[in-house]
């Protein structure tokens, strides 16, 4: 006859398991406490060495910072005038490739000496980069404007958001060591990027098309003014115009409000074209050519912090090796 023994809640086995669990937790906390205690004792016993190494490393780091050349930069804000920014990025990649290859012939053609371009670096990024949170805020803003979608003010807001999102302005940054020759070389490189014959001819074509469009707009505006003047004369002479329409002949009528709308559209278009002609003188328009400025180095990236940490790390590593060597002799005596 056999008897089945079941572990019911509150049985001695459960109490034993809980007791073992609490014992393991207690041992874990005790181990962590002993670790920090040993660390404290180690620091206390070697405090003089640690302080000396920290002071020595900090002094060496300060000395290296003073004798090493500072890194400077010049930021140039440019606006591509050819509806594409690929040319700018390709040109920057080409210049960096010439620097890495130490192409002295290329830089000699720009009247740039070997020492002037050795420490050079060029980067390019968009001026305004919207993060995901900003884009979500813009979407919610546009959704809030949906009930007012037929308003002219809403159309202006949407147009401004699109212009801001698709801004062509780019930030070209030149990094260098020499505060005198650096900005000069940066100016020469910008001039080189703008000297491409193909894109300069393309700029001339764009400008010629805009000038032709301005002449056509002026001609059409003159014709519209003549039609409006004729309408005004007819209104003063007799009652031939009915409900805002100008009678050109017995079979043909012209909508005067539509004429005013077309006139305002052409005037606005001409204004934009004149601004573009003023700005489009080269493949890249220089919005702002910045002054030379010191590159800010992150605090914990400086040698004043790095060298002391290296010294202390080497000191601790030597102690660890000594400790392991001692333990190995105890466990494996020769």
C-alpha atoms as a PDB file:
ATOM      1  CA  UNK A   1       0.000   0.000   0.000  1.00  0.00           C
ATOM      2  CA  UNK A   2       1.460   3.312  -1.069  1.00  0.00           C
ATOM      3  CA  UNK A   3       0.703   6.745   0.189  1.00  0.00           C
ATOM      4  CA  UNK A   4       0.822   9.888  -2.119  1.00  0.00           C
ATOM      5  CA  UNK A   5       2.473  12.874  -0.516  1.00  0.00           C
ATOM      6  CA  UNK A   6       1.365  16.214  -2.024  1.00  0.00           C
ATOM      7  CA  UNK A   7       2.868  19.622  -1.358  1.00  0.00           C
ATOM      8  CA  UNK A   8      -0.055  21.741  -0.201  1.00  0.00           C
ATOM      9  CA  UNK A   9       0.189  25.519   0.349  1.00  0.00           C
ATOM     10  CA  UNK A  10       2.078  26.335   3.476  1.00  0.00           C
ATOM     11  CA  UNK A  11       3.897  22.992   3.549  1.00  0.00           C
ATOM     12  CA  UNK A  12       7.428  22.696   5.045  1.00  0.00           C
ATOM     13  CA  UNK A  13       8.892  22.372   1.513  1.00  0.00           C
ATOM     14  CA  UNK A  14       7.530  25.812   0.530  1.00  0.00           C
ATOM     15  CA  UNK A  15       8.895  27.330   3.712  1.00  0.00           C
ATOM     16  CA  UNK A  16      12.244  25.761   2.932  1.00  0.00           C
ATOM     17  CA  UNK A  17      12.232  27.182  -0.597  1.00  0.00           C
ATOM     18  CA  UNK A  18      11.403  30.675   0.669  1.00  0.00           C
ATOM     19  CA  UNK A  19      14.126  30.396   3.253  1.00  0.00           C
ATOM     20  CA  UNK A  20      16.662  29.452   0.580  1.00  0.00           C
ATOM     21  CA  UNK A  21      15.491  32.362  -1.592  1.00  0.00           C
ATOM     22  CA  UNK A  22      15.939  34.891   1.219  1.00  0.00           C
ATOM     23  CA  UNK A  23      19.341  33.387   1.987  1.00  0.00           C
ATOM     24  CA  UNK A  24      20.435  33.824  -1.641  1.00  0.00           C
ATOM     25  CA  UNK A  25      19.192  37.434  -1.653  1.00  0.00           C
ATOM     26  CA  UNK A  26      21.042  38.100   1.586  1.00  0.00           C
ATOM     27  CA  UNK A  27      24.241  36.612   0.151  1.00  0.00           C
ATOM     28  CA  UNK A  28      23.826  38.754  -2.987  1.00  0.00           C
ATOM     29  CA  UNK A  29      23.517  41.995  -1.032  1.00  0.00           C
ATOM     30  CA  UNK A  30      26.390  40.932   1.170  1.00  0.00           C
ATOM     31  CA  UNK A  31      28.541  40.259  -1.900  1.00  0.00           C
ATOM     32  CA  UNK A  32      27.778  43.697  -3.364  1.00  0.00           C
ATOM     33  CA  UNK A  33      28.544  45.323  -0.007  1.00  0.00           C
ATOM     34  CA  UNK A  34      31.846  43.444   0.255  1.00  0.00           C
ATOM     35  CA  UNK A  35      32.741  44.544  -3.289  1.00  0.00           C
ATOM     36  CA  UNK A  36      32.244  48.232  -2.475  1.00  0.00           C
ATOM     37  CA  UNK A  37      34.008  47.734   0.844  1.00  0.00           C
ATOM     38  CA  UNK A  38      37.030  46.211  -0.909  1.00  0.00           C
ATOM     39  CA  UNK A  39      36.961  49.022  -3.453  1.00  0.00           C
ATOM     40  CA  UNK A  40      36.964  51.560  -0.615  1.00  0.00           C
ATOM     41  CA  UNK A  41      39.857  49.820   1.100  1.00  0.00           C
ATOM     42  CA  UNK A  42      41.788  49.676  -2.182  1.00  0.00           C
ATOM     43  CA  UNK A  43      41.289  53.407  -2.815  1.00  0.00           C
ATOM     44  CA  UNK A  44      42.207  54.205   0.796  1.00  0.00           C
ATOM     45  CA  UNK A  45      45.399  52.186   0.594  1.00  0.00           C
ATOM     46  CA  UNK A  46      46.423  53.710  -2.751  1.00  0.00           C
ATOM     47  CA  UNK A  47      45.002  57.202  -2.363  1.00  0.00           C
ATOM     48  CA  UNK A  48      48.398  58.875  -2.583  1.00  0.00           C
ATOM     49  CA  UNK A  49      49.291  57.118  -5.845  1.00  0.00           C
ATOM     50  CA  UNK A  50      45.861  57.887  -7.339  1.00  0.00           C
ATOM     51  CA  UNK A  51      46.116  61.578  -6.443  1.00  0.00           C
ATOM     52  CA  UNK A  52      49.670  61.840  -7.814  1.00  0.00           C
ATOM     53  CA  UNK A  53      48.678  60.143 -11.088  1.00  0.00           C
ATOM     54  CA  UNK A  54      45.572  62.374 -11.428  1.00  0.00           C
ATOM     55  CA  UNK A  55      47.591  65.557 -10.905  1.00  0.00           C
ATOM     56  CA  UNK A  56      50.348  64.376 -13.240  1.00  0.00           C
ATOM     57  CA  UNK A  57      47.842  63.403 -15.954  1.00  0.00           C
ATOM     58  CA  UNK A  58      45.914  66.673 -15.634  1.00  0.00           C
ATOM     59  CA  UNK A  59      49.130  68.684 -15.865  1.00  0.00           C
ATOM     60  CA  UNK A  60      50.228  66.736 -18.927  1.00  0.00           C
ATOM     61  CA  UNK A  61      46.787  67.208 -20.517  1.00  0.00           C
ATOM     62  CA  UNK A  62      46.861  70.973 -19.911  1.00  0.00           C
ATOM     63  CA  UNK A  63      50.336  71.128 -21.407  1.00  0.00           C
ATOM     64  CA  UNK A  64      49.276  69.209 -24.521  1.00  0.00           C
ATOM     65  CA  UNK A  65      46.255  71.475 -24.975  1.00  0.00           C
ATOM     66  CA  UNK A  66      48.477  74.534 -24.858  1.00  0.00           C
ATOM     67  CA  UNK A  67      51.158  73.298 -27.247  1.00  0.00           C
ATOM     68  CA  UNK A  68      48.780  71.628 -29.711  1.00  0.00           C
ATOM     69  CA  UNK A  69      47.341  73.726 -32.527  1.00  0.00           C
ATOM     70  CA  UNK A  70      43.739  74.841 -32.094  1.00  0.00           C
ATOM     71  CA  UNK A  71      41.152  73.699 -34.598  1.00  0.00           C
ATOM     72  CA  UNK A  72      39.250  76.519 -36.290  1.00  0.00           C
ATOM     73  CA  UNK A  73      36.330  76.655 -38.683  1.00  0.00           C
ATOM     74  CA  UNK A  74      34.543  78.963 -41.083  1.00  0.00           C
ATOM     75  CA  UNK A  75      30.861  78.409 -41.828  1.00  0.00           C
ATOM     76  CA  UNK A  76      29.436  79.546 -45.171  1.00  0.00           C
ATOM     77  CA  UNK A  77      25.683  79.568 -45.801  1.00  0.00           C
ATOM     78  CA  UNK A  78      24.992  79.016 -49.509  1.00  0.00           C
ATOM     79  CA  UNK A  79      21.852  78.681 -51.599  1.00  0.00           C
ATOM     80  CA  UNK A  80      22.023  76.527 -54.776  1.00  0.00           C
ATOM     81  CA  UNK A  81      20.459  78.457 -57.653  1.00  0.00           C
ATOM     82  CA  UNK A  82      19.829  75.543 -60.016  1.00  0.00           C
ATOM     83  CA  UNK A  83      16.981  73.739 -58.231  1.00  0.00           C
ATOM     84  CA  UNK A  84      19.396  70.985 -57.179  1.00  0.00           C
ATOM     85  CA  UNK A  85      21.952  70.639 -54.404  1.00  0.00           C
ATOM     86  CA  UNK A  86      23.637  67.514 -55.780  1.00  0.00           C
ATOM     87  CA  UNK A  87      26.314  69.581 -57.510  1.00  0.00           C
ATOM     88  CA  UNK A  88      27.351  71.138 -54.190  1.00  0.00           C
ATOM     89  CA  UNK A  89      27.617  67.770 -52.435  1.00  0.00           C
ATOM     90  CA  UNK A  90      29.580  66.277 -55.336  1.00  0.00           C
ATOM     91  CA  UNK A  91      31.964  69.239 -55.318  1.00  0.00           C
ATOM     92  CA  UNK A  92      32.572  68.931 -51.565  1.00  0.00           C
ATOM     93  CA  UNK A  93      33.269  65.199 -51.933  1.00  0.00           C
ATOM     94  CA  UNK A  94      35.694  65.988 -54.742  1.00  0.00           C
ATOM     95  CA  UNK A  95      37.585  68.535 -52.615  1.00  0.00           C
ATOM     96  CA  UNK A  96      37.857  66.127 -49.670  1.00  0.00           C
ATOM     97  CA  UNK A  97      39.124  63.464 -52.052  1.00  0.00           C
ATOM     98  CA  UNK A  98      41.785  65.866 -53.344  1.00  0.00           C
ATOM     99  CA  UNK A  99      42.837  66.636 -49.746  1.00  0.00           C
ATOM    100  CA  UNK A 100      43.141  62.955 -48.802  1.00  0.00           C
ATOM    101  CA  UNK A 101      45.056  62.204 -52.001  1.00  0.00           C
ATOM    102  CA  UNK A 102      47.322  65.224 -51.357  1.00  0.00           C
ATOM    103  CA  UNK A 103      46.765  66.412 -54.909  1.00  0.00           C
ATOM    104  CA  UNK A 104      49.302  69.242 -54.923  1.00  0.00           C
ATOM    105  CA  UNK A 105      48.717  69.958 -58.612  1.00  0.00           C
ATOM    106  CA  UNK A 106      45.023  70.636 -58.023  1.00  0.00           C
ATOM    107  CA  UNK A 107      45.639  72.980 -55.101  1.00  0.00           C
ATOM    108  CA  UNK A 108      48.523  74.673 -56.903  1.00  0.00           C
ATOM    109  CA  UNK A 109      46.042  75.571 -59.666  1.00  0.00           C
ATOM    110  CA  UNK A 110      44.033  77.363 -56.950  1.00  0.00           C
ATOM    111  CA  UNK A 111      47.193  79.048 -55.626  1.00  0.00           C
ATOM    112  CA  UNK A 112      47.013  77.023 -52.397  1.00  0.00           C
ATOM    113  CA  UNK A 113      50.244  75.759 -50.846  1.00  0.00           C
ATOM    114  CA  UNK A 114      50.805  72.234 -49.524  1.00  0.00           C
ATOM    115  CA  UNK A 115      50.893  73.296 -45.869  1.00  0.00           C
ATOM    116  CA  UNK A 116      47.653  75.264 -46.265  1.00  0.00           C
ATOM    117  CA  UNK A 117      45.476  72.297 -47.265  1.00  0.00           C
ATOM    118  CA  UNK A 118      47.081  69.463 -45.254  1.00  0.00           C
ATOM    119  CA  UNK A 119      44.884  69.985 -42.171  1.00  0.00           C
ATOM    120  CA  UNK A 120      41.829  71.043 -44.165  1.00  0.00           C
ATOM    121  CA  UNK A 121      38.401  69.383 -44.061  1.00  0.00           C
ATOM    122  CA  UNK A 122      35.098  70.373 -45.692  1.00  0.00           C
ATOM    123  CA  UNK A 123      31.578  69.310 -44.701  1.00  0.00           C
ATOM    124  CA  UNK A 124      28.127  70.291 -45.954  1.00  0.00           C
ATOM    125  CA  UNK A 125      24.736  69.852 -44.274  1.00  0.00           C
ATOM    126  CA  UNK A 126      21.287  71.424 -44.724  1.00  0.00           C
ATOM    127  CA  UNK A 127      20.783  74.584 -42.692  1.00  0.00           C
ATOM    128  CA  UNK A 128      17.463  73.475 -41.218  1.00  0.00           C
ATOM    129  CA  UNK A 129      16.916  69.821 -40.330  1.00  0.00           C
ATOM    130  CA  UNK A 130      13.545  69.111 -38.779  1.00  0.00           C
ATOM    131  CA  UNK A 131      13.384  66.341 -36.219  1.00  0.00           C
ATOM    132  CA  UNK A 132      10.484  63.890 -36.070  1.00  0.00           C
ATOM    133  CA  UNK A 133       8.742  65.804 -33.259  1.00  0.00           C
ATOM    134  CA  UNK A 134       8.758  69.012 -35.335  1.00  0.00           C
ATOM    135  CA  UNK A 135       7.288  67.207 -38.342  1.00  0.00           C
ATOM    136  CA  UNK A 136       4.498  65.739 -36.200  1.00  0.00           C
ATOM    137  CA  UNK A 137       3.744  69.211 -34.819  1.00  0.00           C
ATOM    138  CA  UNK A 138       3.509  70.588 -38.381  1.00  0.00           C
ATOM    139  CA  UNK A 139       1.097  67.807 -39.360  1.00  0.00           C
ATOM    140  CA  UNK A 140      -1.153  68.540 -36.374  1.00  0.00           C
ATOM    141  CA  UNK A 141      -0.995  72.246 -37.244  1.00  0.00           C
ATOM    142  CA  UNK A 142      -2.106  71.557 -40.818  1.00  0.00           C
ATOM    143  CA  UNK A 143      -4.929  69.317 -39.573  1.00  0.00           C
ATOM    144  CA  UNK A 144      -6.142  72.167 -37.355  1.00  0.00           C
ATOM    145  CA  UNK A 145      -6.228  74.455 -40.421  1.00  0.00           C
ATOM    146  CA  UNK A 146      -8.373  72.042 -42.457  1.00  0.00           C
ATOM    147  CA  UNK A 147     -11.701  73.846 -41.678  1.00  0.00           C
ATOM    148  CA  UNK A 148     -10.142  77.041 -43.094  1.00  0.00           C
ATOM    149  CA  UNK A 149      -8.657  75.469 -46.227  1.00  0.00           C
ATOM    150  CA  UNK A 150     -10.366  77.948 -48.562  1.00  0.00           C
ATOM    151  CA  UNK A 151      -8.856  80.949 -46.792  1.00  0.00           C
ATOM    152  CA  UNK A 152      -6.021  82.922 -48.397  1.00  0.00           C
ATOM    153  CA  UNK A 153      -4.245  83.134 -45.029  1.00  0.00           C
ATOM    154  CA  UNK A 154      -4.268  79.318 -44.788  1.00  0.00           C
ATOM    155  CA  UNK A 155      -2.764  79.055 -48.279  1.00  0.00           C
ATOM    156  CA  UNK A 156       0.035  81.419 -47.258  1.00  0.00           C
ATOM    157  CA  UNK A 157       0.746  79.387 -44.110  1.00  0.00           C
ATOM    158  CA  UNK A 158       0.930  76.126 -46.081  1.00  0.00           C
ATOM    159  CA  UNK A 159       3.211  77.701 -48.671  1.00  0.00           C
ATOM    160  CA  UNK A 160       5.574  78.981 -45.961  1.00  0.00           C
ATOM    161  CA  UNK A 161       5.706  75.540 -44.324  1.00  0.00           C
ATOM    162  CA  UNK A 162       6.554  73.922 -47.659  1.00  0.00           C
ATOM    163  CA  UNK A 163       9.270  76.496 -48.342  1.00  0.00           C
ATOM    164  CA  UNK A 164      10.750  75.909 -44.869  1.00  0.00           C
ATOM    165  CA  UNK A 165      10.610  72.133 -45.298  1.00  0.00           C
ATOM    166  CA  UNK A 166      12.273  72.231 -48.725  1.00  0.00           C
ATOM    167  CA  UNK A 167      14.780  74.968 -47.980  1.00  0.00           C
ATOM    168  CA  UNK A 168      17.745  74.753 -50.329  1.00  0.00           C
ATOM    169  CA  UNK A 169      20.117  76.665 -48.078  1.00  0.00           C
ATOM    170  CA  UNK A 170      23.168  74.606 -47.077  1.00  0.00           C
ATOM    171  CA  UNK A 171      25.910  75.104 -44.464  1.00  0.00           C
ATOM    172  CA  UNK A 172      29.418  74.480 -45.849  1.00  0.00           C
ATOM    173  CA  UNK A 173      31.952  74.254 -43.004  1.00  0.00           C
ATOM    174  CA  UNK A 174      35.712  74.523 -43.524  1.00  0.00           C
ATOM    175  CA  UNK A 175      37.973  73.153 -40.751  1.00  0.00           C
ATOM    176  CA  UNK A 176      41.617  74.231 -40.548  1.00  0.00           C
ATOM    177  CA  UNK A 177      44.515  75.054 -38.201  1.00  0.00           C
ATOM    178  CA  UNK A 178      45.994  78.292 -39.516  1.00  0.00           C
ATOM    179  CA  UNK A 179      43.793  81.296 -38.565  1.00  0.00           C
ATOM    180  CA  UNK A 180      45.354  83.411 -41.325  1.00  0.00           C
ATOM    181  CA  UNK A 181      45.452  81.161 -44.381  1.00  0.00           C
ATOM    182  CA  UNK A 182      42.355  79.099 -43.451  1.00  0.00           C
ATOM    183  CA  UNK A 183      39.664  81.674 -44.362  1.00  0.00           C
ATOM    184  CA  UNK A 184      41.581  82.571 -47.542  1.00  0.00           C
ATOM    185  CA  UNK A 185      41.631  78.938 -48.685  1.00  0.00           C
ATOM    186  CA  UNK A 186      37.921  78.613 -47.817  1.00  0.00           C
ATOM    187  CA  UNK A 187      37.147  81.594 -50.074  1.00  0.00           C
ATOM    188  CA  UNK A 188      39.203  80.074 -52.907  1.00  0.00           C
ATOM    189  CA  UNK A 189      37.384  76.747 -52.598  1.00  0.00           C
ATOM    190  CA  UNK A 190      33.977  78.437 -52.722  1.00  0.00           C
ATOM    191  CA  UNK A 191      35.103  80.327 -55.830  1.00  0.00           C
ATOM    192  CA  UNK A 192      36.262  77.013 -57.333  1.00  0.00           C
ATOM    193  CA  UNK A 193      32.864  75.415 -56.716  1.00  0.00           C
ATOM    194  CA  UNK A 194      31.195  78.410 -58.378  1.00  0.00           C
ATOM    195  CA  UNK A 195      33.553  78.360 -61.386  1.00  0.00           C
ATOM    196  CA  UNK A 196      32.106  75.280 -63.097  1.00  0.00           C
ATOM    197  CA  UNK A 197      31.586  76.245 -66.769  1.00  0.00           C
ATOM    198  CA  UNK A 198      28.589  73.973 -67.337  1.00  0.00           C
ATOM    199  CA  UNK A 199      26.616  75.284 -64.384  1.00  0.00           C
ATOM    200  CA  UNK A 200      27.562  78.907 -65.084  1.00  0.00           C
ATOM    201  CA  UNK A 201      26.152  78.518 -68.613  1.00  0.00           C
ATOM    202  CA  UNK A 202      23.059  76.927 -67.116  1.00  0.00           C
ATOM    203  CA  UNK A 203      22.681  79.964 -64.861  1.00  0.00           C
ATOM    204  CA  UNK A 204      22.851  82.211 -67.928  1.00  0.00           C
ATOM    205  CA  UNK A 205      20.078  80.161 -69.570  1.00  0.00           C
ATOM    206  CA  UNK A 206      17.884  80.412 -66.460  1.00  0.00           C
ATOM    207  CA  UNK A 207      18.412  84.170 -66.344  1.00  0.00           C
ATOM    208  CA  UNK A 208      17.677  84.580 -70.059  1.00  0.00           C
ATOM    209  CA  UNK A 209      14.415  82.642 -69.669  1.00  0.00           C
ATOM    210  CA  UNK A 210      13.386  84.802 -66.709  1.00  0.00           C
ATOM    211  CA  UNK A 211      14.149  88.021 -68.582  1.00  0.00           C
ATOM    212  CA  UNK A 212      12.077  86.776 -71.523  1.00  0.00           C
ATOM    213  CA  UNK A 213       9.226  85.901 -69.165  1.00  0.00           C
ATOM    214  CA  UNK A 214       9.387  89.377 -67.592  1.00  0.00           C
ATOM    215  CA  UNK A 215       9.114  91.009 -71.040  1.00  0.00           C
ATOM    216  CA  UNK A 216       6.112  88.825 -71.887  1.00  0.00           C
ATOM    217  CA  UNK A 217       4.487  89.621 -68.544  1.00  0.00           C
ATOM    218  CA  UNK A 218       4.993  93.353 -69.107  1.00  0.00           C
ATOM    219  CA  UNK A 219       3.435  93.065 -72.587  1.00  0.00           C
ATOM    220  CA  UNK A 220       0.426  91.133 -71.248  1.00  0.00           C
ATOM    221  CA  UNK A 221       0.007  93.598 -68.383  1.00  0.00           C
ATOM    222  CA  UNK A 222      -0.035  96.441 -70.923  1.00  0.00           C
ATOM    223  CA  UNK A 223      -2.774  94.714 -72.894  1.00  0.00           C
ATOM    224  CA  UNK A 224      -4.795  94.082 -69.743  1.00  0.00           C
ATOM    225  CA  UNK A 225      -4.500  97.768 -68.774  1.00  0.00           C
ATOM    226  CA  UNK A 226      -5.760  98.760 -72.233  1.00  0.00           C
ATOM    227  CA  UNK A 227      -8.771  96.445 -71.890  1.00  0.00           C
ATOM    228  CA  UNK A 228      -9.543  97.835 -68.434  1.00  0.00           C
ATOM    229  CA  UNK A 229      -9.211 101.398 -69.711  1.00  0.00           C
ATOM    230  CA  UNK A 230     -11.591 100.555 -72.580  1.00  0.00           C
ATOM    231  CA  UNK A 231     -14.056  99.119 -70.085  1.00  0.00           C
ATOM    232  CA  UNK A 232     -13.851 102.266 -67.964  1.00  0.00           C
ATOM    233  CA  UNK A 233     -14.444 104.453 -71.031  1.00  0.00           C
ATOM    234  CA  UNK A 234     -17.494 102.418 -72.041  1.00  0.00           C
ATOM    235  CA  UNK A 235     -18.864 102.587 -68.516  1.00  0.00           C
ATOM    236  CA  UNK A 236     -18.612 106.370 -68.565  1.00  0.00           C
ATOM    237  CA  UNK A 237     -20.046 106.734 -72.088  1.00  0.00           C
ATOM    238  CA  UNK A 238     -23.049 104.441 -72.040  1.00  0.00           C
ATOM    239  CA  UNK A 239     -24.565 101.379 -70.400  1.00  0.00           C
ATOM    240  CA  UNK A 240     -23.160  98.753 -72.752  1.00  0.00           C
ATOM    241  CA  UNK A 241     -21.332  96.890 -69.934  1.00  0.00           C
ATOM    242  CA  UNK A 242     -23.652  94.720 -67.930  1.00  0.00           C
ATOM    243  CA  UNK A 243     -22.843  92.947 -64.628  1.00  0.00           C
ATOM    244  CA  UNK A 244     -19.108  93.673 -64.707  1.00  0.00           C
ATOM    245  CA  UNK A 245     -18.485  92.398 -68.245  1.00  0.00           C
ATOM    246  CA  UNK A 246     -16.851  94.213 -71.145  1.00  0.00           C
ATOM    247  CA  UNK A 247     -18.534  93.715 -74.539  1.00  0.00           C
ATOM    248  CA  UNK A 248     -15.803  93.287 -77.176  1.00  0.00           C
ATOM    249  CA  UNK A 249     -18.315  92.567 -79.891  1.00  0.00           C
ATOM    250  CA  UNK A 250     -21.945  91.543 -80.062  1.00  0.00           C
ATOM    251  CA  UNK A 251     -20.997  87.855 -79.727  1.00  0.00           C
ATOM    252  CA  UNK A 252     -17.987  88.113 -77.330  1.00  0.00           C
ATOM    253  CA  UNK A 253     -17.756  89.176 -73.700  1.00  0.00           C
ATOM    254  CA  UNK A 254     -14.803  89.484 -71.292  1.00  0.00           C
ATOM    255  CA  UNK A 255     -14.920  88.986 -67.493  1.00  0.00           C
ATOM    256  CA  UNK A 256     -13.364  92.068 -65.866  1.00  0.00           C
ATOM    257  CA  UNK A 257     -12.847  90.493 -62.358  1.00  0.00           C
ATOM    258  CA  UNK A 258     -10.938  87.682 -64.036  1.00  0.00           C
ATOM    259  CA  UNK A 259      -8.743  90.277 -65.736  1.00  0.00           C
ATOM    260  CA  UNK A 260      -7.837  91.811 -62.379  1.00  0.00           C
ATOM    261  CA  UNK A 261      -7.019  88.335 -60.986  1.00  0.00           C
ATOM    262  CA  UNK A 262      -4.764  87.600 -63.953  1.00  0.00           C
ATOM    263  CA  UNK A 263      -3.073  90.976 -63.588  1.00  0.00           C
ATOM    264  CA  UNK A 264      -2.301  90.419 -59.910  1.00  0.00           C
ATOM    265  CA  UNK A 265      -0.948  86.937 -60.673  1.00  0.00           C
ATOM    266  CA  UNK A 266       1.378  88.286 -63.366  1.00  0.00           C
ATOM    267  CA  UNK A 267       2.599  91.098 -61.097  1.00  0.00           C
ATOM    268  CA  UNK A 268       3.401  88.606 -58.307  1.00  0.00           C
ATOM    269  CA  UNK A 269       5.177  86.306 -60.760  1.00  0.00           C
ATOM    270  CA  UNK A 270       7.248  89.194 -62.117  1.00  0.00           C
ATOM    271  CA  UNK A 271       8.242  90.238 -58.596  1.00  0.00           C
ATOM    272  CA  UNK A 272       9.561  86.742 -57.846  1.00  0.00           C
ATOM    273  CA  UNK A 273      11.407  86.620 -61.170  1.00  0.00           C
ATOM    274  CA  UNK A 274      13.177  89.919 -60.459  1.00  0.00           C
ATOM    275  CA  UNK A 275      14.268  88.658 -57.035  1.00  0.00           C
ATOM    276  CA  UNK A 276      15.597  85.434 -58.595  1.00  0.00           C
ATOM    277  CA  UNK A 277      17.499  87.401 -61.239  1.00  0.00           C
ATOM    278  CA  UNK A 278      19.098  89.501 -58.518  1.00  0.00           C
ATOM    279  CA  UNK A 279      20.148  86.419 -56.551  1.00  0.00           C
ATOM    280  CA  UNK A 280      21.117  84.097 -59.407  1.00  0.00           C
ATOM    281  CA  UNK A 281      24.560  85.336 -60.407  1.00  0.00           C
ATOM    282  CA  UNK A 282      26.417  82.019 -59.885  1.00  0.00           C
ATOM    283  CA  UNK A 283      25.596  78.337 -59.292  1.00  0.00           C
ATOM    284  CA  UNK A 284      25.821  79.005 -55.547  1.00  0.00           C
ATOM    285  CA  UNK A 285      24.484  82.139 -53.926  1.00  0.00           C
ATOM    286  CA  UNK A 286      26.482  83.201 -50.845  1.00  0.00           C
ATOM    287  CA  UNK A 287      23.979  84.003 -48.120  1.00  0.00           C
ATOM    288  CA  UNK A 288      26.605  84.537 -45.416  1.00  0.00           C
ATOM    289  CA  UNK A 289      30.359  84.010 -45.330  1.00  0.00           C
ATOM    290  CA  UNK A 290      31.131  83.585 -41.638  1.00  0.00           C
ATOM    291  CA  UNK A 291      34.188  84.644 -39.698  1.00  0.00           C
ATOM    292  CA  UNK A 292      36.849  82.300 -38.342  1.00  0.00           C
ATOM    293  CA  UNK A 293      35.836  80.717 -35.031  1.00  0.00           C
ATOM    294  CA  UNK A 294      37.237  78.189 -32.595  1.00  0.00           C
ATOM    295  CA  UNK A 295      35.830  74.664 -32.736  1.00  0.00           C
ATOM    296  CA  UNK A 296      34.327  73.783 -29.370  1.00  0.00           C
ATOM    297  CA  UNK A 297      35.624  70.456 -28.080  1.00  0.00           C
ATOM    298  CA  UNK A 298      33.357  68.458 -25.701  1.00  0.00           C
ATOM    299  CA  UNK A 299      34.538  68.743 -22.104  1.00  0.00           C
ATOM    300  CA  UNK A 300      35.123  65.019 -21.541  1.00  0.00           C
ATOM    301  CA  UNK A 301      36.813  64.658 -24.915  1.00  0.00           C
ATOM    302  CA  UNK A 302      39.754  66.812 -23.856  1.00  0.00           C
ATOM    303  CA  UNK A 303      43.100  65.329 -22.898  1.00  0.00           C
ATOM    304  CA  UNK A 304      42.890  67.038 -19.500  1.00  0.00           C
ATOM    305  CA  UNK A 305      40.411  64.304 -18.500  1.00  0.00           C
ATOM    306  CA  UNK A 306      41.530  61.506 -20.777  1.00  0.00           C
ATOM    307  CA  UNK A 307      45.207  61.302 -19.721  1.00  0.00           C
ATOM    308  CA  UNK A 308      44.528  61.027 -15.929  1.00  0.00           C
ATOM    309  CA  UNK A 309      42.010  58.263 -16.612  1.00  0.00           C
ATOM    310  CA  UNK A 310      44.607  56.421 -18.708  1.00  0.00           C
ATOM    311  CA  UNK A 311      47.228  56.716 -15.962  1.00  0.00           C
ATOM    312  CA  UNK A 312      44.823  55.474 -13.285  1.00  0.00           C
ATOM    313  CA  UNK A 313      43.667  52.655 -15.556  1.00  0.00           C
ATOM    314  CA  UNK A 314      47.251  51.483 -16.114  1.00  0.00           C
ATOM    315  CA  UNK A 315      47.925  51.613 -12.362  1.00  0.00           C
ATOM    316  CA  UNK A 316      44.826  49.511 -11.594  1.00  0.00           C
ATOM    317  CA  UNK A 317      45.681  47.068 -14.380  1.00  0.00           C
ATOM    318  CA  UNK A 318      49.157  46.518 -12.909  1.00  0.00           C
ATOM    319  CA  UNK A 319      47.627  45.808  -9.494  1.00  0.00           C
ATOM    320  CA  UNK A 320      45.155  43.338 -11.040  1.00  0.00           C
ATOM    321  CA  UNK A 321      48.006  41.504 -12.777  1.00  0.00           C
ATOM    322  CA  UNK A 322      49.948  41.344  -9.497  1.00  0.00           C
ATOM    323  CA  UNK A 323      46.861  40.010  -7.683  1.00  0.00           C
ATOM    324  CA  UNK A 324      46.228  37.323 -10.310  1.00  0.00           C
ATOM    325  CA  UNK A 325      49.882  36.323 -10.275  1.00  0.00           C
ATOM    326  CA  UNK A 326      49.776  35.936  -6.488  1.00  0.00           C
ATOM    327  CA  UNK A 327      46.584  33.841  -6.594  1.00  0.00           C
ATOM    328  CA  UNK A 328      47.966  31.626  -9.339  1.00  0.00           C
ATOM    329  CA  UNK A 329      50.985  30.802  -7.165  1.00  0.00           C
ATOM    330  CA  UNK A 330      48.727  29.936  -4.231  1.00  0.00           C
ATOM    331  CA  UNK A 331      46.515  27.641  -6.323  1.00  0.00           C
ATOM    332  CA  UNK A 332      49.295  26.144  -8.444  1.00  0.00           C
ATOM    333  CA  UNK A 333      52.469  26.062  -6.357  1.00  0.00           C
ATOM    334  CA  UNK A 334      55.616  25.293  -8.289  1.00  0.00           C
END
